Amino acid sequence: SKKTIAVPPGATIKEQLQDRHMSQK
């Protein structure tokens, strides 16, 4: 909304995968 953003825990998972150079597969 104009005041709030909802970031799913999946964003953290995605960061973790990127840091580990791990594919979703």
PDB file of all heavy atoms in Angstrom:
ATOM      1  N   SER A   1       0.888  -1.160   0.000  1.00  0.00           N
ATOM      2  CA  SER A   1       0.000   0.000   0.000  1.00  0.00           C
ATOM      3  C   SER A   1       0.928   1.213   0.000  1.00  0.00           C
ATOM      4  O   SER A   1       2.138   1.064  -0.163  1.00  0.00           O
ATOM      5  CB  SER A   1      -0.891  -0.008   1.245  1.00  0.00           C
ATOM      6  OG  SER A   1      -0.103   0.147   2.412  1.00  0.00           O
ATOM      7  N   LYS A   2       0.381   2.374   0.212  1.00  0.00           N
ATOM      8  CA  LYS A   2       1.220   3.572   0.266  1.00  0.00           C
ATOM      9  C   LYS A   2       2.138   3.570   1.484  1.00  0.00           C
ATOM     10  O   LYS A   2       3.203   4.164   1.460  1.00  0.00           O
ATOM     11  CB  LYS A   2       0.351   4.831   0.297  1.00  0.00           C
ATOM     12  CG  LYS A   2      -0.364   5.104  -1.004  1.00  0.00           C
ATOM     13  CD  LYS A   2      -1.233   6.340  -0.903  1.00  0.00           C
ATOM     14  CE  LYS A   2      -1.978   6.565  -2.217  1.00  0.00           C
ATOM     15  NZ  LYS A   2      -2.939   7.680  -2.112  1.00  0.00           N
ATOM     16  N   LYS A   3       1.718   2.861   2.556  1.00  0.00           N
ATOM     17  CA  LYS A   3       2.461   2.894   3.817  1.00  0.00           C
ATOM     18  C   LYS A   3       3.227   1.611   4.140  1.00  0.00           C
ATOM     19  O   LYS A   3       4.167   1.643   4.915  1.00  0.00           O
ATOM     20  CB  LYS A   3       1.499   3.167   4.977  1.00  0.00           C
ATOM     21  CG  LYS A   3       0.772   4.474   4.901  1.00  0.00           C
ATOM     22  CD  LYS A   3      -0.199   4.584   6.061  1.00  0.00           C
ATOM     23  CE  LYS A   3      -1.060   5.806   5.958  1.00  0.00           C
ATOM     24  NZ  LYS A   3      -2.060   5.841   7.026  1.00  0.00           N
ATOM     25  N   THR A   4       2.779   0.478   3.606  1.00  0.00           N
ATOM     26  CA  THR A   4       3.297  -0.821   4.044  1.00  0.00           C
ATOM     27  C   THR A   4       3.638  -1.694   2.856  1.00  0.00           C
ATOM     28  O   THR A   4       2.940  -1.676   1.849  1.00  0.00           O
ATOM     29  CB  THR A   4       2.243  -1.537   4.915  1.00  0.00           C
ATOM     30  OG1 THR A   4       1.860  -0.678   5.990  1.00  0.00           O
ATOM     31  CG2 THR A   4       2.770  -2.841   5.485  1.00  0.00           C
ATOM     32  N   ILE A   5       4.702  -2.471   3.018  1.00  0.00           N
ATOM     33  CA  ILE A   5       5.064  -3.471   2.017  1.00  0.00           C
ATOM     34  C   ILE A   5       5.174  -4.818   2.732  1.00  0.00           C
ATOM     35  O   ILE A   5       5.681  -4.894   3.845  1.00  0.00           O
ATOM     36  CB  ILE A   5       6.376  -3.108   1.288  1.00  0.00           C
ATOM     37  CG1 ILE A   5       6.670  -4.106   0.179  1.00  0.00           C
ATOM     38  CG2 ILE A   5       7.533  -2.999   2.240  1.00  0.00           C
ATOM     39  CD1 ILE A   5       7.779  -3.681  -0.763  1.00  0.00           C
ATOM     40  N   ALA A   6       4.659  -5.847   2.104  1.00  0.00           N
ATOM     41  CA  ALA A   6       4.696  -7.191   2.679  1.00  0.00           C
ATOM     42  C   ALA A   6       5.709  -8.029   1.901  1.00  0.00           C
ATOM     43  O   ALA A   6       5.485  -8.356   0.744  1.00  0.00           O
ATOM     44  CB  ALA A   6       3.313  -7.832   2.623  1.00  0.00           C
ATOM     45  N   VAL A   7       6.812  -8.337   2.556  1.00  0.00           N
ATOM     46  CA  VAL A   7       7.878  -9.116   1.923  1.00  0.00           C
ATOM     47  C   VAL A   7       7.780 -10.556   2.423  1.00  0.00           C
ATOM     48  O   VAL A   7       7.903 -10.806   3.625  1.00  0.00           O
ATOM     49  CB  VAL A   7       9.266  -8.520   2.250  1.00  0.00           C
ATOM     50  CG1 VAL A   7      10.365  -9.333   1.601  1.00  0.00           C
ATOM     51  CG2 VAL A   7       9.342  -7.061   1.807  1.00  0.00           C
ATOM     52  N   PRO A   8       7.558 -11.501   1.509  1.00  0.00           N
ATOM     53  CA  PRO A   8       7.407 -12.889   1.936  1.00  0.00           C
ATOM     54  C   PRO A   8       8.741 -13.475   2.412  1.00  0.00           C
ATOM     55  O   PRO A   8       9.810 -13.016   2.013  1.00  0.00           O
ATOM     56  CB  PRO A   8       6.928 -13.603   0.673  1.00  0.00           C
ATOM     57  CG  PRO A   8       7.444 -12.776  -0.448  1.00  0.00           C
ATOM     58  CD  PRO A   8       7.448 -11.364   0.049  1.00  0.00           C
ATOM     59  N   PRO A   9       8.685 -14.499   3.257  1.00  0.00           N
ATOM     60  CA  PRO A   9       9.908 -15.148   3.705  1.00  0.00           C
ATOM     61  C   PRO A   9      10.687 -15.735   2.520  1.00  0.00           C
ATOM     62  O   PRO A   9      11.900 -15.939   2.605  1.00  0.00           O
ATOM     63  CB  PRO A   9       9.446 -16.247   4.651  1.00  0.00           C
ATOM     64  CG  PRO A   9       7.979 -16.222   4.664  1.00  0.00           C
ATOM     65  CD  PRO A   9       7.494 -15.085   3.851  1.00  0.00           C
ATOM     66  N   GLY A  10       9.987 -15.946   1.423  1.00  0.00           N
ATOM     67  CA  GLY A  10      10.639 -16.455   0.221  1.00  0.00           C
ATOM     68  C   GLY A  10      11.735 -15.534  -0.281  1.00  0.00           C
ATOM     69  O   GLY A  10      12.702 -15.988  -0.919  1.00  0.00           O
ATOM     70  N   ALA A  11      11.639 -14.236   0.002  1.00  0.00           N
ATOM     71  CA  ALA A  11      12.690 -13.302  -0.401  1.00  0.00           C
ATOM     72  C   ALA A  11      13.994 -13.650   0.316  1.00  0.00           C
ATOM     73  O   ALA A  11      15.076 -13.590  -0.282  1.00  0.00           O
ATOM     74  CB  ALA A  11      12.276 -11.865  -0.085  1.00  0.00           C
ATOM     75  N   THR A  12      13.883 -14.046   1.567  1.00  0.00           N
ATOM     76  CA  THR A  12      15.069 -14.459   2.332  1.00  0.00           C
ATOM     77  C   THR A  12      15.600 -15.787   1.806  1.00  0.00           C
ATOM     78  O   THR A  12      16.818 -15.981   1.699  1.00  0.00           O
ATOM     79  CB  THR A  12      14.726 -14.560   3.832  1.00  0.00           C
ATOM     80  OG1 THR A  12      14.209 -13.300   4.268  1.00  0.00           O
ATOM     81  CG2 THR A  12      15.944 -14.922   4.654  1.00  0.00           C
ATOM     82  N   ILE A  13      14.686 -16.687   1.462  1.00  0.00           N
ATOM     83  CA  ILE A  13      15.109 -17.969   0.882  1.00  0.00           C
ATOM     84  C   ILE A  13      15.870 -17.706  -0.416  1.00  0.00           C
ATOM     85  O   ILE A  13      16.944 -18.276  -0.649  1.00  0.00           O
ATOM     86  CB  ILE A  13      13.893 -18.892   0.617  1.00  0.00           C
ATOM     87  CG1 ILE A  13      13.236 -19.291   1.935  1.00  0.00           C
ATOM     88  CG2 ILE A  13      14.305 -20.121  -0.187  1.00  0.00           C
ATOM     89  CD1 ILE A  13      11.893 -19.984   1.783  1.00  0.00           C
ATOM     90  N   LYS A  14      15.331 -16.834  -1.240  1.00  0.00           N
ATOM     91  CA  LYS A  14      15.969 -16.502  -2.517  1.00  0.00           C
ATOM     92  C   LYS A  14      17.380 -15.946  -2.295  1.00  0.00           C
ATOM     93  O   LYS A  14      18.327 -16.327  -2.994  1.00  0.00           O
ATOM     94  CB  LYS A  14      15.106 -15.492  -3.282  1.00  0.00           C
ATOM     95  CG  LYS A  14      15.548 -15.265  -4.703  1.00  0.00           C
ATOM     96  CD  LYS A  14      14.541 -14.392  -5.438  1.00  0.00           C
ATOM     97  CE  LYS A  14      14.934 -14.249  -6.897  1.00  0.00           C
ATOM     98  NZ  LYS A  14      13.945 -13.488  -7.650  1.00  0.00           N
ATOM     99  N   GLU A  15      17.525 -15.065  -1.314  1.00  0.00           N
ATOM    100  CA  GLU A  15      18.848 -14.527  -0.982  1.00  0.00           C
ATOM    101  C   GLU A  15      19.793 -15.639  -0.548  1.00  0.00           C
ATOM    102  O   GLU A  15      20.966 -15.661  -0.941  1.00  0.00           O
ATOM    103  CB  GLU A  15      18.747 -13.483   0.133  1.00  0.00           C
ATOM    104  CG  GLU A  15      18.135 -12.179  -0.286  1.00  0.00           C
ATOM    105  CD  GLU A  15      17.954 -11.213   0.889  1.00  0.00           C
ATOM    106  OE1 GLU A  15      18.440 -11.501   2.012  1.00  0.00           O
ATOM    107  OE2 GLU A  15      17.313 -10.168   0.677  1.00  0.00           O
ATOM    108  N   GLN A  16      19.282 -16.544   0.277  1.00  0.00           N
ATOM    109  CA  GLN A  16      20.099 -17.673   0.750  1.00  0.00           C
ATOM    110  C   GLN A  16      20.569 -18.535  -0.425  1.00  0.00           C
ATOM    111  O   GLN A  16      21.725 -18.965  -0.469  1.00  0.00           O
ATOM    112  CB  GLN A  16      19.305 -18.526   1.749  1.00  0.00           C
ATOM    113  CG  GLN A  16      19.027 -17.859   3.069  1.00  0.00           C
ATOM    114  CD  GLN A  16      20.252 -17.805   3.949  1.00  0.00           C
ATOM    115  OE1 GLN A  16      21.043 -18.743   4.009  1.00  0.00           O
ATOM    116  NE2 GLN A  16      20.417 -16.689   4.640  1.00  0.00           N
ATOM    117  N   LEU A  17      19.684 -18.771  -1.367  1.00  0.00           N
ATOM    118  CA  LEU A  17      20.041 -19.576  -2.542  1.00  0.00           C
ATOM    119  C   LEU A  17      21.090 -18.855  -3.390  1.00  0.00           C
ATOM    120  O   LEU A  17      22.041 -19.485  -3.878  1.00  0.00           O
ATOM    121  CB  LEU A  17      18.804 -19.893  -3.378  1.00  0.00           C
ATOM    122  CG  LEU A  17      17.740 -20.765  -2.709  1.00  0.00           C
ATOM    123  CD1 LEU A  17      16.585 -21.024  -3.664  1.00  0.00           C
ATOM    124  CD2 LEU A  17      18.331 -22.062  -2.189  1.00  0.00           C
ATOM    125  N   GLN A  18      20.918 -17.553  -3.573  1.00  0.00           N
ATOM    126  CA  GLN A  18      21.889 -16.773  -4.340  1.00  0.00           C
ATOM    127  C   GLN A  18      23.260 -16.802  -3.668  1.00  0.00           C
ATOM    128  O   GLN A  18      24.281 -16.971  -4.336  1.00  0.00           O
ATOM    129  CB  GLN A  18      21.401 -15.332  -4.523  1.00  0.00           C
ATOM    130  CG  GLN A  18      20.235 -15.213  -5.482  1.00  0.00           C
ATOM    131  CD  GLN A  18      19.597 -13.830  -5.488  1.00  0.00           C
ATOM    132  OE1 GLN A  18      19.810 -13.015  -4.602  1.00  0.00           O
ATOM    133  NE2 GLN A  18      18.772 -13.585  -6.509  1.00  0.00           N
ATOM    134  N   ASP A  19      23.275 -16.628  -2.349  1.00  0.00           N
ATOM    135  CA  ASP A  19      24.540 -16.662  -1.605  1.00  0.00           C
ATOM    136  C   ASP A  19      25.242 -18.010  -1.739  1.00  0.00           C
ATOM    137  O   ASP A  19      26.466 -18.088  -1.723  1.00  0.00           O
ATOM    138  CB  ASP A  19      24.303 -16.365  -0.113  1.00  0.00           C
ATOM    139  CG  ASP A  19      23.915 -14.924   0.147  1.00  0.00           C
ATOM    140  OD1 ASP A  19      24.023 -14.076  -0.773  1.00  0.00           O
ATOM    141  OD2 ASP A  19      23.464 -14.639   1.288  1.00  0.00           O
ATOM    142  N   ARG A  20      24.472 -19.070  -1.885  1.00  0.00           N
ATOM    143  CA  ARG A  20      25.024 -20.422  -1.996  1.00  0.00           C
ATOM    144  C   ARG A  20      25.216 -20.861  -3.451  1.00  0.00           C
ATOM    145  O   ARG A  20      25.648 -21.976  -3.695  1.00  0.00           O
ATOM    146  CB  ARG A  20      24.097 -21.406  -1.289  1.00  0.00           C
ATOM    147  CG  ARG A  20      24.095 -21.298   0.219  1.00  0.00           C
ATOM    148  CD  ARG A  20      22.991 -22.176   0.824  1.00  0.00           C
ATOM    149  NE  ARG A  20      23.104 -22.321   2.254  1.00  0.00           N
ATOM    150  CZ  ARG A  20      22.778 -21.392   3.135  1.00  0.00           C
ATOM    151  NH1 ARG A  20      22.304 -20.242   2.730  1.00  0.00           N
ATOM    152  NH2 ARG A  20      22.911 -21.614   4.440  1.00  0.00           N
ATOM    153  N   HIS A  21      24.818 -19.989  -4.379  1.00  0.00           N
ATOM    154  CA  HIS A  21      24.862 -20.323  -5.808  1.00  0.00           C
ATOM    155  C   HIS A  21      24.122 -21.633  -6.071  1.00  0.00           C
ATOM    156  O   HIS A  21      24.583 -22.504  -6.815  1.00  0.00           O
ATOM    157  CB  HIS A  21      26.310 -20.412  -6.320  1.00  0.00           C
ATOM    158  CG  HIS A  21      27.098 -19.176  -6.049  1.00  0.00           C
ATOM    159  ND1 HIS A  21      26.903 -18.004  -6.730  1.00  0.00           N
ATOM    160  CD2 HIS A  21      28.074 -18.924  -5.135  1.00  0.00           C
ATOM    161  CE1 HIS A  21      27.710 -17.078  -6.265  1.00  0.00           C
ATOM    162  NE2 HIS A  21      28.438 -17.605  -5.282  1.00  0.00           N
ATOM    163  N   MET A  22      22.934 -21.734  -5.450  1.00  0.00           N
ATOM    164  CA  MET A  22      22.119 -22.943  -5.556  1.00  0.00           C
ATOM    165  C   MET A  22      20.878 -22.635  -6.393  1.00  0.00           C
ATOM    166  O   MET A  22      20.190 -21.647  -6.163  1.00  0.00           O
ATOM    167  CB  MET A  22      21.692 -23.427  -4.153  1.00  0.00           C
ATOM    168  CG  MET A  22      20.990 -24.766  -4.153  1.00  0.00           C
ATOM    169  SD  MET A  22      20.361 -25.262  -2.504  1.00  0.00           S
ATOM    170  CE  MET A  22      21.836 -25.262  -1.504  1.00  0.00           C
ATOM    171  N   SER A  23      20.583 -23.494  -7.340  1.00  0.00           N
ATOM    172  CA  SER A  23      19.380 -23.312  -8.164  1.00  0.00           C
ATOM    173  C   SER A  23      18.142 -23.735  -7.372  1.00  0.00           C
ATOM    174  O   SER A  23      18.242 -24.490  -6.403  1.00  0.00           O
ATOM    175  CB  SER A  23      19.478 -24.156  -9.437  1.00  0.00           C
ATOM    176  OG  SER A  23      19.382 -25.533  -9.114  1.00  0.00           O
ATOM    177  N   GLN A  24      16.996 -23.261  -7.829  1.00  0.00           N
ATOM    178  CA  GLN A  24      15.743 -23.674  -7.192  1.00  0.00           C
ATOM    179  C   GLN A  24      15.522 -25.171  -7.373  1.00  0.00           C
ATOM    180  O   GLN A  24      14.984 -25.831  -6.492  1.00  0.00           O
ATOM    181  CB  GLN A  24      14.561 -22.888  -7.763  1.00  0.00           C
ATOM    182  CG  GLN A  24      14.458 -21.489  -7.218  1.00  0.00           C
ATOM    183  CD  GLN A  24      13.182 -20.787  -7.661  1.00  0.00           C
ATOM    184  OE1 GLN A  24      12.171 -21.426  -7.951  1.00  0.00           O
ATOM    185  NE2 GLN A  24      13.226 -19.467  -7.703  1.00  0.00           N
ATOM    186  N   LYS A  25      15.979 -25.682  -8.506  1.00  0.00           N
ATOM    187  CA  LYS A  25      15.818 -27.113  -8.765  1.00  0.00           C
ATOM    188  C   LYS A  25      16.598 -27.934  -7.735  1.00  0.00           C
ATOM    189  O   LYS A  25      16.057 -28.862  -7.128  1.00  0.00           O
ATOM    190  CB  LYS A  25      16.291 -27.453 -10.182  1.00  0.00           C
ATOM    191  CG  LYS A  25      16.113 -28.906 -10.546  1.00  0.00           C
ATOM    192  CD  LYS A  25      16.500 -29.169 -11.970  1.00  0.00           C
ATOM    193  CE  LYS A  25      16.254 -30.631 -12.312  1.00  0.00           C
ATOM    194  NZ  LYS A  25      16.390 -30.919 -13.717  1.00  0.00           N
TER     195      LYS A  25
END
